[in-house]
Amino acid sequence: TKWVGLDNFRQILTPSAMNNFYQVLYNTLKWVIASLFFQFMI
């Protein structure tokens, strides 16, 4: 085990991984907003 600084964050936010990250972030927003809206209204 060793210190790598911000390497883990860079790996998440690298150009090759960004499309995947954006898709996951979009899914998360959809998951939260849609679930919250219908849970609250009903």
PDB file of all heavy atoms in Angstrom:
ATOM      1  N   THR A   1       0.846  -1.197   0.000  1.00  0.00           N
ATOM      2  CA  THR A   1       0.000   0.000   0.000  1.00  0.00           C
ATOM      3  C   THR A   1       0.876   1.241   0.000  1.00  0.00           C
ATOM      4  O   THR A   1       1.798   1.362   0.809  1.00  0.00           O
ATOM      5  CB  THR A   1      -0.919   0.013   1.238  1.00  0.00           C
ATOM      6  OG1 THR A   1      -1.746  -1.157   1.206  1.00  0.00           O
ATOM      7  CG2 THR A   1      -1.794   1.252   1.248  1.00  0.00           C
ATOM      8  N   LYS A   2       0.595   2.154  -0.901  1.00  0.00           N
ATOM      9  CA  LYS A   2       1.426   3.366  -0.988  1.00  0.00           C
ATOM     10  C   LYS A   2       0.558   4.567  -1.333  1.00  0.00           C
ATOM     11  O   LYS A   2      -0.544   4.449  -1.873  1.00  0.00           O
ATOM     12  CB  LYS A   2       2.504   3.184  -2.053  1.00  0.00           C
ATOM     13  CG  LYS A   2       1.972   2.864  -3.432  1.00  0.00           C
ATOM     14  CD  LYS A   2       3.099   2.590  -4.408  1.00  0.00           C
ATOM     15  CE  LYS A   2       2.540   2.229  -5.793  1.00  0.00           C
ATOM     16  NZ  LYS A   2       3.615   1.917  -6.757  1.00  0.00           N
ATOM     17  N   TRP A   3       1.085   5.754  -1.012  1.00  0.00           N
ATOM     18  CA  TRP A   3       0.393   6.991  -1.321  1.00  0.00           C
ATOM     19  C   TRP A   3       0.540   7.315  -2.799  1.00  0.00           C
ATOM     20  O   TRP A   3       1.625   7.245  -3.351  1.00  0.00           O
ATOM     21  CB  TRP A   3       0.964   8.130  -0.482  1.00  0.00           C
ATOM     22  CG  TRP A   3       0.615   8.025   0.978  1.00  0.00           C
ATOM     23  CD1 TRP A   3       1.344   7.399   1.943  1.00  0.00           C
ATOM     24  CD2 TRP A   3      -0.562   8.537   1.608  1.00  0.00           C
ATOM     25  NE1 TRP A   3       0.697   7.479   3.154  1.00  0.00           N
ATOM     26  CE2 TRP A   3      -0.471   8.180   2.985  1.00  0.00           C
ATOM     27  CE3 TRP A   3      -1.666   9.248   1.171  1.00  0.00           C
ATOM     28  CZ2 TRP A   3      -1.448   8.520   3.900  1.00  0.00           C
ATOM     29  CZ3 TRP A   3      -2.641   9.599   2.085  1.00  0.00           C
ATOM     30  CH2 TRP A   3      -2.533   9.239   3.432  1.00  0.00           C
ATOM     31  N   VAL A   4      -0.579   7.672  -3.415  1.00  0.00           N
ATOM     32  CA  VAL A   4      -0.551   8.019  -4.840  1.00  0.00           C
ATOM     33  C   VAL A   4      -1.118   9.419  -5.091  1.00  0.00           C
ATOM     34  O   VAL A   4      -1.314   9.813  -6.241  1.00  0.00           O
ATOM     35  CB  VAL A   4      -1.341   6.983  -5.670  1.00  0.00           C
ATOM     36  CG1 VAL A   4      -0.665   5.622  -5.619  1.00  0.00           C
ATOM     37  CG2 VAL A   4      -2.796   6.895  -5.198  1.00  0.00           C
ATOM     38  N   GLY A   5      -1.399  10.135  -4.014  1.00  0.00           N
ATOM     39  CA  GLY A   5      -1.907  11.496  -4.172  1.00  0.00           C
ATOM     40  C   GLY A   5      -3.273  11.519  -4.839  1.00  0.00           C
ATOM     41  O   GLY A   5      -4.200  10.838  -4.430  1.00  0.00           O
ATOM     42  N   LEU A   6      -3.393  12.281  -5.913  1.00  0.00           N
ATOM     43  CA  LEU A   6      -4.662  12.455  -6.626  1.00  0.00           C
ATOM     44  C   LEU A   6      -4.812  11.494  -7.802  1.00  0.00           C
ATOM     45  O   LEU A   6      -5.724  11.675  -8.624  1.00  0.00           O
ATOM     46  CB  LEU A   6      -4.787  13.894  -7.130  1.00  0.00           C
ATOM     47  CG  LEU A   6      -4.833  14.984  -6.050  1.00  0.00           C
ATOM     48  CD1 LEU A   6      -4.798  16.358  -6.699  1.00  0.00           C
ATOM     49  CD2 LEU A   6      -6.068  14.836  -5.172  1.00  0.00           C
ATOM     50  N   ASP A   7      -3.954  10.476  -7.876  1.00  0.00           N
ATOM     51  CA  ASP A   7      -3.989   9.566  -9.033  1.00  0.00           C
ATOM     52  C   ASP A   7      -5.331   8.854  -9.178  1.00  0.00           C
ATOM     53  O   ASP A   7      -5.815   8.643 -10.307  1.00  0.00           O
ATOM     54  CB  ASP A   7      -2.863   8.528  -8.929  1.00  0.00           C
ATOM     55  CG  ASP A   7      -1.504   9.128  -9.267  1.00  0.00           C
ATOM     56  OD1 ASP A   7      -1.466  10.323  -9.645  1.00  0.00           O
ATOM     57  OD2 ASP A   7      -0.487   8.417  -9.149  1.00  0.00           O
ATOM     58  N   ASN A   8      -5.930   8.449  -8.063  1.00  0.00           N
ATOM     59  CA  ASN A   8      -7.227   7.768  -8.144  1.00  0.00           C
ATOM     60  C   ASN A   8      -8.294   8.684  -8.746  1.00  0.00           C
ATOM     61  O   ASN A   8      -9.110   8.249  -9.568  1.00  0.00           O
ATOM     62  CB  ASN A   8      -7.670   7.304  -6.760  1.00  0.00           C
ATOM     63  CG  ASN A   8      -6.841   6.140  -6.240  1.00  0.00           C
ATOM     64  OD1 ASN A   8      -6.364   5.316  -7.015  1.00  0.00           O
ATOM     65  ND2 ASN A   8      -6.662   6.083  -4.930  1.00  0.00           N
ATOM     66  N   PHE A   9      -8.268   9.956  -8.353  1.00  0.00           N
ATOM     67  CA  PHE A   9      -9.237  10.913  -8.893  1.00  0.00           C
ATOM     68  C   PHE A   9      -8.949  11.206 -10.368  1.00  0.00           C
ATOM     69  O   PHE A   9      -9.877  11.363 -11.167  1.00  0.00           O
ATOM     70  CB  PHE A   9      -9.215  12.207  -8.078  1.00  0.00           C
ATOM     71  CG  PHE A   9      -9.613  12.017  -6.637  1.00  0.00           C
ATOM     72  CD1 PHE A   9      -8.658  11.818  -5.654  1.00  0.00           C
ATOM     73  CD2 PHE A   9     -10.947  12.022  -6.278  1.00  0.00           C
ATOM     74  CE1 PHE A   9      -9.021  11.651  -4.331  1.00  0.00           C
ATOM     75  CE2 PHE A   9     -11.330  11.848  -4.951  1.00  0.00           C
ATOM     76  CZ  PHE A   9     -10.357  11.658  -3.981  1.00  0.00           C
ATOM     77  N   ARG A  10      -7.663  11.292 -10.707  1.00  0.00           N
ATOM     78  CA  ARG A  10      -7.300  11.511 -12.118  1.00  0.00           C
ATOM     79  C   ARG A  10      -7.773  10.352 -12.980  1.00  0.00           C
ATOM     80  O   ARG A  10      -8.221  10.540 -14.114  1.00  0.00           O
ATOM     81  CB  ARG A  10      -5.785  11.683 -12.249  1.00  0.00           C
ATOM     82  CG  ARG A  10      -5.236  12.963 -11.630  1.00  0.00           C
ATOM     83  CD  ARG A  10      -3.813  13.219 -12.080  1.00  0.00           C
ATOM     84  NE  ARG A  10      -3.210  14.320 -11.341  1.00  0.00           N
ATOM     85  CZ  ARG A  10      -2.389  14.174 -10.313  1.00  0.00           C
ATOM     86  NH1 ARG A  10      -2.071  12.951  -9.894  1.00  0.00           N
ATOM     87  NH2 ARG A  10      -1.891  15.219  -9.692  1.00  0.00           N
ATOM     88  N   GLN A  11      -7.675   9.133 -12.440  1.00  0.00           N
ATOM     89  CA  GLN A  11      -8.103   7.956 -13.194  1.00  0.00           C
ATOM     90  C   GLN A  11      -9.613   7.988 -13.438  1.00  0.00           C
ATOM     91  O   GLN A  11     -10.086   7.587 -14.510  1.00  0.00           O
ATOM     92  CB  GLN A  11      -7.729   6.680 -12.434  1.00  0.00           C
ATOM     93  CG  GLN A  11      -7.985   5.398 -13.214  1.00  0.00           C
ATOM     94  CD  GLN A  11      -7.458   4.174 -12.494  1.00  0.00           C
ATOM     95  OE1 GLN A  11      -6.564   4.269 -11.640  1.00  0.00           O
ATOM     96  NE2 GLN A  11      -8.009   3.015 -12.819  1.00  0.00           N
ATOM     97  N   ILE A  12     -10.357   8.479 -12.456  1.00  0.00           N
ATOM     98  CA  ILE A  12     -11.811   8.592 -12.627  1.00  0.00           C
ATOM     99  C   ILE A  12     -12.148   9.649 -13.662  1.00  0.00           C
ATOM    100  O   ILE A  12     -13.087   9.489 -14.460  1.00  0.00           O
ATOM    101  CB  ILE A  12     -12.479   8.939 -11.276  1.00  0.00           C
ATOM    102  CG1 ILE A  12     -12.320   7.780 -10.295  1.00  0.00           C
ATOM    103  CG2 ILE A  12     -13.971   9.267 -11.475  1.00  0.00           C
ATOM    104  CD1 ILE A  12     -12.781   8.099  -8.889  1.00  0.00           C
ATOM    105  N   LEU A  13     -11.383  10.740 -13.681  1.00  0.00           N
ATOM    106  CA  LEU A  13     -11.697  11.896 -14.521  1.00  0.00           C
ATOM    107  C   LEU A  13     -10.822  11.981 -15.767  1.00  0.00           C
ATOM    108  O   LEU A  13     -10.758  13.037 -16.404  1.00  0.00           O
ATOM    109  CB  LEU A  13     -11.549  13.185 -13.697  1.00  0.00           C
ATOM    110  CG  LEU A  13     -12.433  13.260 -12.438  1.00  0.00           C
ATOM    111  CD1 LEU A  13     -12.129  14.514 -11.644  1.00  0.00           C
ATOM    112  CD2 LEU A  13     -13.909  13.211 -12.812  1.00  0.00           C
ATOM    113  N   THR A  14     -10.153  10.902 -16.143  1.00  0.00           N
ATOM    114  CA  THR A  14      -9.378  10.903 -17.384  1.00  0.00           C
ATOM    115  C   THR A  14     -10.331  10.967 -18.574  1.00  0.00           C
ATOM    116  O   THR A  14     -11.477  10.518 -18.492  1.00  0.00           O
ATOM    117  CB  THR A  14      -8.517   9.637 -17.504  1.00  0.00           C
ATOM    118  OG1 THR A  14      -9.352   8.486 -17.334  1.00  0.00           O
ATOM    119  CG2 THR A  14      -7.398   9.627 -16.479  1.00  0.00           C
ATOM    120  N   PRO A  15      -9.867  11.537 -19.718  1.00  0.00           N
ATOM    121  CA  PRO A  15     -10.754  11.631 -20.898  1.00  0.00           C
ATOM    122  C   PRO A  15     -11.371  10.303 -21.299  1.00  0.00           C
ATOM    123  O   PRO A  15     -12.533  10.250 -21.712  1.00  0.00           O
ATOM    124  CB  PRO A  15      -9.813  12.177 -21.980  1.00  0.00           C
ATOM    125  CG  PRO A  15      -8.772  12.946 -21.224  1.00  0.00           C
ATOM    126  CD  PRO A  15      -8.567  12.178 -19.944  1.00  0.00           C
ATOM    127  N   SER A  16     -10.598   9.213 -21.186  1.00  0.00           N
ATOM    128  CA  SER A  16     -11.125   7.908 -21.595  1.00  0.00           C
ATOM    129  C   SER A  16     -12.227   7.412 -20.659  1.00  0.00           C
ATOM    130  O   SER A  16     -13.091   6.628 -21.063  1.00  0.00           O
ATOM    131  CB  SER A  16      -9.985   6.880 -21.637  1.00  0.00           C
ATOM    132  OG  SER A  16      -9.387   6.757 -20.352  1.00  0.00           O
ATOM    133  N   ALA A  17     -12.190   7.879 -19.400  1.00  0.00           N
ATOM    134  CA  ALA A  17     -13.179   7.422 -18.427  1.00  0.00           C
ATOM    135  C   ALA A  17     -14.321   8.412 -18.235  1.00  0.00           C
ATOM    136  O   ALA A  17     -15.317   8.084 -17.589  1.00  0.00           O
ATOM    137  CB  ALA A  17     -12.509   7.166 -17.074  1.00  0.00           C
ATOM    138  N   MET A  18     -14.195   9.605 -18.805  1.00  0.00           N
ATOM    139  CA  MET A  18     -15.183  10.647 -18.555  1.00  0.00           C
ATOM    140  C   MET A  18     -16.560  10.301 -19.111  1.00  0.00           C
ATOM    141  O   MET A  18     -17.580  10.590 -18.486  1.00  0.00           O
ATOM    142  CB  MET A  18     -14.708  11.974 -19.139  1.00  0.00           C
ATOM    143  CG  MET A  18     -13.668  12.681 -18.284  1.00  0.00           C
ATOM    144  SD  MET A  18     -14.213  12.948 -16.573  1.00  0.00           S
ATOM    145  CE  MET A  18     -15.487  14.178 -16.803  1.00  0.00           C
ATOM    146  N   ASN A  19     -16.609   9.700 -20.311  1.00  0.00           N
ATOM    147  CA  ASN A  19     -17.911   9.331 -20.882  1.00  0.00           C
ATOM    148  C   ASN A  19     -18.665   8.383 -19.957  1.00  0.00           C
ATOM    149  O   ASN A  19     -19.877   8.522 -19.743  1.00  0.00           O
ATOM    150  CB  ASN A  19     -17.728   8.701 -22.261  1.00  0.00           C
ATOM    151  CG  ASN A  19     -17.316   9.727 -23.312  1.00  0.00           C
ATOM    152  OD1 ASN A  19     -17.599  10.919 -23.161  1.00  0.00           O
ATOM    153  ND2 ASN A  19     -16.666   9.269 -24.363  1.00  0.00           N
ATOM    154  N   ASN A  20     -17.931   7.419 -19.432  1.00  0.00           N
ATOM    155  CA  ASN A  20     -18.538   6.470 -18.500  1.00  0.00           C
ATOM    156  C   ASN A  20     -18.985   7.182 -17.227  1.00  0.00           C
ATOM    157  O   ASN A  20     -20.081   6.923 -16.705  1.00  0.00           O
ATOM    158  CB  ASN A  20     -17.535   5.365 -18.159  1.00  0.00           C
ATOM    159  CG  ASN A  20     -18.182   4.234 -17.369  1.00  0.00           C
ATOM    160  OD1 ASN A  20     -19.330   3.876 -17.615  1.00  0.00           O
ATOM    161  ND2 ASN A  20     -17.448   3.680 -16.433  1.00  0.00           N
ATOM    162  N   PHE A  21     -18.143   8.117 -16.729  1.00  0.00           N
ATOM    163  CA  PHE A  21     -18.476   8.852 -15.522  1.00  0.00           C
ATOM    164  C   PHE A  21     -19.714   9.725 -15.737  1.00  0.00           C
ATOM    165  O   PHE A  21     -20.592   9.801 -14.880  1.00  0.00           O
ATOM    166  CB  PHE A  21     -17.292   9.714 -15.087  1.00  0.00           C
ATOM    167  CG  PHE A  21     -17.526  10.488 -13.825  1.00  0.00           C
ATOM    168  CD1 PHE A  21     -17.466   9.872 -12.583  1.00  0.00           C
ATOM    169  CD2 PHE A  21     -17.839  11.837 -13.875  1.00  0.00           C
ATOM    170  CE1 PHE A  21     -17.694  10.589 -11.420  1.00  0.00           C
ATOM    171  CE2 PHE A  21     -18.068  12.560 -12.721  1.00  0.00           C
ATOM    172  CZ  PHE A  21     -17.988  11.934 -11.483  1.00  0.00           C
ATOM    173  N   TYR A  22     -19.794  10.387 -16.889  1.00  0.00           N
ATOM    174  CA  TYR A  22     -20.955  11.222 -17.194  1.00  0.00           C
ATOM    175  C   TYR A  22     -22.229  10.390 -17.269  1.00  0.00           C
ATOM    176  O   TYR A  22     -23.294  10.828 -16.825  1.00  0.00           O
ATOM    177  CB  TYR A  22     -20.746  11.958 -18.519  1.00  0.00           C
ATOM    178  CG  TYR A  22     -19.795  13.121 -18.438  1.00  0.00           C
ATOM    179  CD1 TYR A  22     -18.916  13.399 -19.479  1.00  0.00           C
ATOM    180  CD2 TYR A  22     -19.781  13.954 -17.318  1.00  0.00           C
ATOM    181  CE1 TYR A  22     -18.033  14.467 -19.409  1.00  0.00           C
ATOM    182  CE2 TYR A  22     -18.903  15.026 -17.246  1.00  0.00           C
ATOM    183  CZ  TYR A  22     -18.033  15.280 -18.288  1.00  0.00           C
ATOM    184  OH  TYR A  22     -17.168  16.341 -18.207  1.00  0.00           O
ATOM    185  N   GLN A  23     -22.129   9.178 -17.829  1.00  0.00           N
ATOM    186  CA  GLN A  23     -23.297   8.298 -17.918  1.00  0.00           C
ATOM    187  C   GLN A  23     -23.764   7.890 -16.517  1.00  0.00           C
ATOM    188  O   GLN A  23     -24.964   7.889 -16.231  1.00  0.00           O
ATOM    189  CB  GLN A  23     -22.963   7.051 -18.739  1.00  0.00           C
ATOM    190  CG  GLN A  23     -24.111   6.065 -18.894  1.00  0.00           C
ATOM    191  CD  GLN A  23     -25.314   6.664 -19.614  1.00  0.00           C
ATOM    192  OE1 GLN A  23     -25.153   7.362 -20.613  1.00  0.00           O
ATOM    193  NE2 GLN A  23     -26.517   6.410 -19.107  1.00  0.00           N
ATOM    194  N   VAL A  24     -22.798   7.557 -15.655  1.00  0.00           N
ATOM    195  CA  VAL A  24     -23.136   7.181 -14.280  1.00  0.00           C
ATOM    196  C   VAL A  24     -23.747   8.368 -13.546  1.00  0.00           C
ATOM    197  O   VAL A  24     -24.721   8.218 -12.798  1.00  0.00           O
ATOM    198  CB  VAL A  24     -21.881   6.668 -13.542  1.00  0.00           C
ATOM    199  CG1 VAL A  24     -22.178   6.437 -12.064  1.00  0.00           C
ATOM    200  CG2 VAL A  24     -21.377   5.380 -14.178  1.00  0.00           C
ATOM    201  N   LEU A  25     -23.190   9.566 -13.763  1.00  0.00           N
ATOM    202  CA  LEU A  25     -23.725  10.758 -13.119  1.00  0.00           C
ATOM    203  C   LEU A  25     -25.139  11.059 -13.615  1.00  0.00           C
ATOM    204  O   LEU A  25     -26.024  11.418 -12.828  1.00  0.00           O
ATOM    205  CB  LEU A  25     -22.805  11.953 -13.394  1.00  0.00           C
ATOM    206  CG  LEU A  25     -23.071  13.230 -12.601  1.00  0.00           C
ATOM    207  CD1 LEU A  25     -22.957  12.979 -11.099  1.00  0.00           C
ATOM    208  CD2 LEU A  25     -22.105  14.332 -13.023  1.00  0.00           C
ATOM    209  N   TYR A  26     -25.366  10.895 -14.912  1.00  0.00           N
ATOM    210  CA  TYR A  26     -26.714  11.094 -15.475  1.00  0.00           C
ATOM    211  C   TYR A  26     -27.696  10.089 -14.875  1.00  0.00           C
ATOM    212  O   TYR A  26     -28.819  10.453 -14.492  1.00  0.00           O
ATOM    213  CB  TYR A  26     -26.671  10.954 -16.993  1.00  0.00           C
ATOM    214  CG  TYR A  26     -28.041  10.895 -17.636  1.00  0.00           C
ATOM    215  CD1 TYR A  26     -28.801  12.052 -17.821  1.00  0.00           C
ATOM    216  CD2 TYR A  26     -28.591   9.668 -18.048  1.00  0.00           C
ATOM    217  CE1 TYR A  26     -30.066  11.992 -18.386  1.00  0.00           C
ATOM    218  CE2 TYR A  26     -29.846   9.606 -18.615  1.00  0.00           C
ATOM    219  CZ  TYR A  26     -30.587  10.774 -18.789  1.00  0.00           C
ATOM    220  OH  TYR A  26     -31.835  10.709 -19.341  1.00  0.00           O
ATOM    221  N   ASN A  27     -27.275   8.814 -14.791  1.00  0.00           N
ATOM    222  CA  ASN A  27     -28.133   7.795 -14.186  1.00  0.00           C
ATOM    223  C   ASN A  27     -28.469   8.146 -12.734  1.00  0.00           C
ATOM    224  O   ASN A  27     -29.601   7.946 -12.276  1.00  0.00           O
ATOM    225  CB  ASN A  27     -27.454   6.426 -14.232  1.00  0.00           C
ATOM    226  CG  ASN A  27     -27.387   5.856 -15.632  1.00  0.00           C
ATOM    227  OD1 ASN A  27     -28.069   6.317 -16.546  1.00  0.00           O
ATOM    228  ND2 ASN A  27     -26.550   4.859 -15.818  1.00  0.00           N
ATOM    229  N   THR A  28     -27.469   8.680 -12.013  1.00  0.00           N
ATOM    230  CA  THR A  28     -27.672   9.040 -10.610  1.00  0.00           C
ATOM    231  C   THR A  28     -28.692  10.164 -10.478  1.00  0.00           C
ATOM    232  O   THR A  28     -29.589  10.103  -9.628  1.00  0.00           O
ATOM    233  CB  THR A  28     -26.339   9.472  -9.969  1.00  0.00           C
ATOM    234  OG1 THR A  28     -25.364   8.434 -10.135  1.00  0.00           O
ATOM    235  CG2 THR A  28     -26.520   9.748  -8.485  1.00  0.00           C
ATOM    236  N   LEU A  29     -28.560  11.188 -11.323  1.00  0.00           N
ATOM    237  CA  LEU A  29     -29.511  12.307 -11.277  1.00  0.00           C
ATOM    238  C   LEU A  29     -30.921  11.834 -11.634  1.00  0.00           C
ATOM    239  O   LEU A  29     -31.900  12.229 -10.992  1.00  0.00           O
ATOM    240  CB  LEU A  29     -29.064  13.413 -12.235  1.00  0.00           C
ATOM    241  CG  LEU A  29     -27.791  14.169 -11.838  1.00  0.00           C
ATOM    242  CD1 LEU A  29     -27.388  15.149 -12.922  1.00  0.00           C
ATOM    243  CD2 LEU A  29     -27.993  14.900 -10.516  1.00  0.00           C
ATOM    244  N   LYS A  30     -31.031  10.991 -12.637  1.00  0.00           N
ATOM    245  CA  LYS A  30     -32.346  10.452 -13.023  1.00  0.00           C
ATOM    246  C   LYS A  30     -32.920   9.617 -11.896  1.00  0.00           C
ATOM    247  O   LYS A  30     -34.122   9.724 -11.576  1.00  0.00           O
ATOM    248  CB  LYS A  30     -32.202   9.617 -14.298  1.00  0.00           C
ATOM    249  CG  LYS A  30     -33.517   9.047 -14.806  1.00  0.00           C
ATOM    250  CD  LYS A  30     -33.306   8.249 -16.089  1.00  0.00           C
ATOM    251  CE  LYS A  30     -34.614   7.648 -16.586  1.00  0.00           C
ATOM    252  NZ  LYS A  30     -34.417   6.846 -17.832  1.00  0.00           N
ATOM    253  N   TRP A  31     -32.097   8.788 -11.300  1.00  0.00           N
ATOM    254  CA  TRP A  31     -32.498   7.927 -10.192  1.00  0.00           C
ATOM    255  C   TRP A  31     -33.034   8.759  -9.025  1.00  0.00           C
ATOM    256  O   TRP A  31     -34.097   8.467  -8.463  1.00  0.00           O
ATOM    257  CB  TRP A  31     -31.298   7.090  -9.780  1.00  0.00           C
ATOM    258  CG  TRP A  31     -31.318   6.421  -8.450  1.00  0.00           C
ATOM    259  CD1 TRP A  31     -30.607   6.791  -7.340  1.00  0.00           C
ATOM    260  CD2 TRP A  31     -32.036   5.238  -8.080  1.00  0.00           C
ATOM    261  NE1 TRP A  31     -30.842   5.923  -6.306  1.00  0.00           N
ATOM    262  CE2 TRP A  31     -31.714   4.954  -6.734  1.00  0.00           C
ATOM    263  CE3 TRP A  31     -32.916   4.400  -8.748  1.00  0.00           C
ATOM    264  CZ2 TRP A  31     -32.243   3.879  -6.051  1.00  0.00           C
ATOM    265  CZ3 TRP A  31     -33.448   3.310  -8.067  1.00  0.00           C
ATOM    266  CH2 TRP A  31     -33.122   3.060  -6.734  1.00  0.00           C
ATOM    267  N   VAL A  32     -32.326   9.834  -8.663  1.00  0.00           N
ATOM    268  CA  VAL A  32     -32.710  10.651  -7.516  1.00  0.00           C
ATOM    269  C   VAL A  32     -33.948  11.487  -7.829  1.00  0.00           C
ATOM    270  O   VAL A  32     -34.928  11.492  -7.074  1.00  0.00           O
ATOM    271  CB  VAL A  32     -31.540  11.559  -7.081  1.00  0.00           C
ATOM    272  CG1 VAL A  32     -31.998  12.544  -6.005  1.00  0.00           C
ATOM    273  CG2 VAL A  32     -30.377  10.722  -6.564  1.00  0.00           C
ATOM    274  N   ILE A  33     -33.933  12.210  -8.951  1.00  0.00           N
ATOM    275  CA  ILE A  33     -35.013  13.153  -9.264  1.00  0.00           C
ATOM    276  C   ILE A  33     -36.332  12.424  -9.513  1.00  0.00           C
ATOM    277  O   ILE A  33     -37.379  12.796  -8.969  1.00  0.00           O
ATOM    278  CB  ILE A  33     -34.629  14.026 -10.472  1.00  0.00           C
ATOM    279  CG1 ILE A  33     -33.447  14.929 -10.113  1.00  0.00           C
ATOM    280  CG2 ILE A  33     -35.815  14.870 -10.914  1.00  0.00           C
ATOM    281  CD1 ILE A  33     -32.872  15.699 -11.295  1.00  0.00           C
ATOM    282  N   ALA A  34     -36.303  11.381 -10.346  1.00  0.00           N
ATOM    283  CA  ALA A  34     -37.536  10.653 -10.652  1.00  0.00           C
ATOM    284  C   ALA A  34     -38.090   9.966  -9.407  1.00  0.00           C
ATOM    285  O   ALA A  34     -39.302  10.027  -9.133  1.00  0.00           O
ATOM    286  CB  ALA A  34     -37.282   9.633 -11.762  1.00  0.00           C
ATOM    287  N   SER A  35     -37.223   9.310  -8.648  1.00  0.00           N
ATOM    288  CA  SER A  35     -37.677   8.628  -7.433  1.00  0.00           C
ATOM    289  C   SER A  35     -38.262   9.624  -6.444  1.00  0.00           C
ATOM    290  O   SER A  35     -39.345   9.407  -5.878  1.00  0.00           O
ATOM    291  CB  SER A  35     -36.516   7.869  -6.780  1.00  0.00           C
ATOM    292  OG  SER A  35     -36.020   6.855  -7.626  1.00  0.00           O
ATOM    293  N   LEU A  36     -37.551  10.749  -6.239  1.00  0.00           N
ATOM    294  CA  LEU A  36     -38.002  11.741  -5.264  1.00  0.00           C
ATOM    295  C   LEU A  36     -39.339  12.353  -5.671  1.00  0.00           C
ATOM    296  O   LEU A  36     -40.240  12.509  -4.838  1.00  0.00           O
ATOM    297  CB  LEU A  36     -36.946  12.841  -5.119  1.00  0.00           C
ATOM    298  CG  LEU A  36     -37.270  13.931  -4.102  1.00  0.00           C
ATOM    299  CD1 LEU A  36     -37.141  13.380  -2.692  1.00  0.00           C
ATOM    300  CD2 LEU A  36     -36.349  15.138  -4.282  1.00  0.00           C
ATOM    301  N   PHE A  37     -39.481  12.694  -6.945  1.00  0.00           N
ATOM    302  CA  PHE A  37     -40.706  13.361  -7.406  1.00  0.00           C
ATOM    303  C   PHE A  37     -41.929  12.493  -7.143  1.00  0.00           C
ATOM    304  O   PHE A  37     -42.914  12.952  -6.541  1.00  0.00           O
ATOM    305  CB  PHE A  37     -40.596  13.688  -8.898  1.00  0.00           C
ATOM    306  CG  PHE A  37     -41.844  14.281  -9.477  1.00  0.00           C
ATOM    307  CD1 PHE A  37     -42.137  15.619  -9.285  1.00  0.00           C
ATOM    308  CD2 PHE A  37     -42.739  13.498 -10.194  1.00  0.00           C
ATOM    309  CE1 PHE A  37     -43.306  16.175  -9.805  1.00  0.00           C
ATOM    310  CE2 PHE A  37     -43.901  14.047 -10.727  1.00  0.00           C
ATOM    311  CZ  PHE A  37     -44.188  15.392 -10.529  1.00  0.00           C
ATOM    312  N   PHE A  38     -41.895  11.248  -7.573  1.00  0.00           N
ATOM    313  CA  PHE A  38     -43.072  10.388  -7.433  1.00  0.00           C
ATOM    314  C   PHE A  38     -43.278   9.950  -5.982  1.00  0.00           C
ATOM    315  O   PHE A  38     -44.424   9.821  -5.519  1.00  0.00           O
ATOM    316  CB  PHE A  38     -42.957   9.177  -8.355  1.00  0.00           C
ATOM    317  CG  PHE A  38     -43.112   9.520  -9.807  1.00  0.00           C
ATOM    318  CD1 PHE A  38     -42.016   9.534 -10.654  1.00  0.00           C
ATOM    319  CD2 PHE A  38     -44.354   9.854 -10.325  1.00  0.00           C
ATOM    320  CE1 PHE A  38     -42.149   9.864 -11.990  1.00  0.00           C
ATOM    321  CE2 PHE A  38     -44.504  10.183 -11.658  1.00  0.00           C
ATOM    322  CZ  PHE A  38     -43.403  10.199 -12.498  1.00  0.00           C
ATOM    323  N   GLN A  39     -42.196   9.716  -5.237  1.00  0.00           N
ATOM    324  CA  GLN A  39     -42.351   9.387  -3.821  1.00  0.00           C
ATOM    325  C   GLN A  39     -43.027  10.528  -3.074  1.00  0.00           C
ATOM    326  O   GLN A  39     -43.943  10.307  -2.273  1.00  0.00           O
ATOM    327  CB  GLN A  39     -40.976   9.109  -3.193  1.00  0.00           C
ATOM    328  CG  GLN A  39     -40.360   7.785  -3.560  1.00  0.00           C
ATOM    329  CD  GLN A  39     -39.011   7.585  -2.903  1.00  0.00           C
ATOM    330  OE1 GLN A  39     -38.597   8.361  -2.047  1.00  0.00           O
ATOM    331  NE2 GLN A  39     -38.298   6.539  -3.306  1.00  0.00           N
ATOM    332  N   PHE A  40     -42.594  11.745  -3.351  1.00  0.00           N
ATOM    333  CA  PHE A  40     -43.132  12.909  -2.651  1.00  0.00           C
ATOM    334  C   PHE A  40     -44.595  13.159  -3.025  1.00  0.00           C
ATOM    335  O   PHE A  40     -45.445  13.346  -2.143  1.00  0.00           O
ATOM    336  CB  PHE A  40     -42.290  14.138  -2.971  1.00  0.00           C
ATOM    337  CG  PHE A  40     -42.816  15.413  -2.370  1.00  0.00           C
ATOM    338  CD1 PHE A  40     -42.685  15.646  -1.013  1.00  0.00           C
ATOM    339  CD2 PHE A  40     -43.449  16.364  -3.155  1.00  0.00           C
ATOM    340  CE1 PHE A  40     -43.178  16.815  -0.439  1.00  0.00           C
ATOM    341  CE2 PHE A  40     -43.944  17.527  -2.593  1.00  0.00           C
ATOM    342  CZ  PHE A  40     -43.808  17.753  -1.239  1.00  0.00           C
ATOM    343  N   MET A  41     -44.889  13.157  -4.315  1.00  0.00           N
ATOM    344  CA  MET A  41     -46.249  13.471  -4.755  1.00  0.00           C
ATOM    345  C   MET A  41     -47.251  12.428  -4.260  1.00  0.00           C
ATOM    346  O   MET A  41     -48.318  12.769  -3.728  1.00  0.00           O
ATOM    347  CB  MET A  41     -46.295  13.575  -6.279  1.00  0.00           C
ATOM    348  CG  MET A  41     -45.441  14.698  -6.849  1.00  0.00           C
ATOM    349  SD  MET A  41     -45.887  16.325  -6.222  1.00  0.00           S
ATOM    350  CE  MET A  41     -47.493  16.554  -6.970  1.00  0.00           C
ATOM    351  N   ILE A  42     -46.920  11.144  -4.439  1.00  0.00           N
ATOM    352  CA  ILE A  42     -47.852  10.091  -4.015  1.00  0.00           C
ATOM    353  C   ILE A  42     -47.924  10.028  -2.490  1.00  0.00           C
ATOM    354  O   ILE A  42     -49.009   9.857  -1.914  1.00  0.00           O
ATOM    355  CB  ILE A  42     -47.423   8.732  -4.605  1.00  0.00           C
ATOM    356  CG1 ILE A  42     -47.418   8.795  -6.140  1.00  0.00           C
ATOM    357  CG2 ILE A  42     -48.358   7.620  -4.123  1.00  0.00           C
ATOM    358  CD1 ILE A  42     -46.865   7.562  -6.814  1.00  0.00           C
TER     359      ILE A  42
END
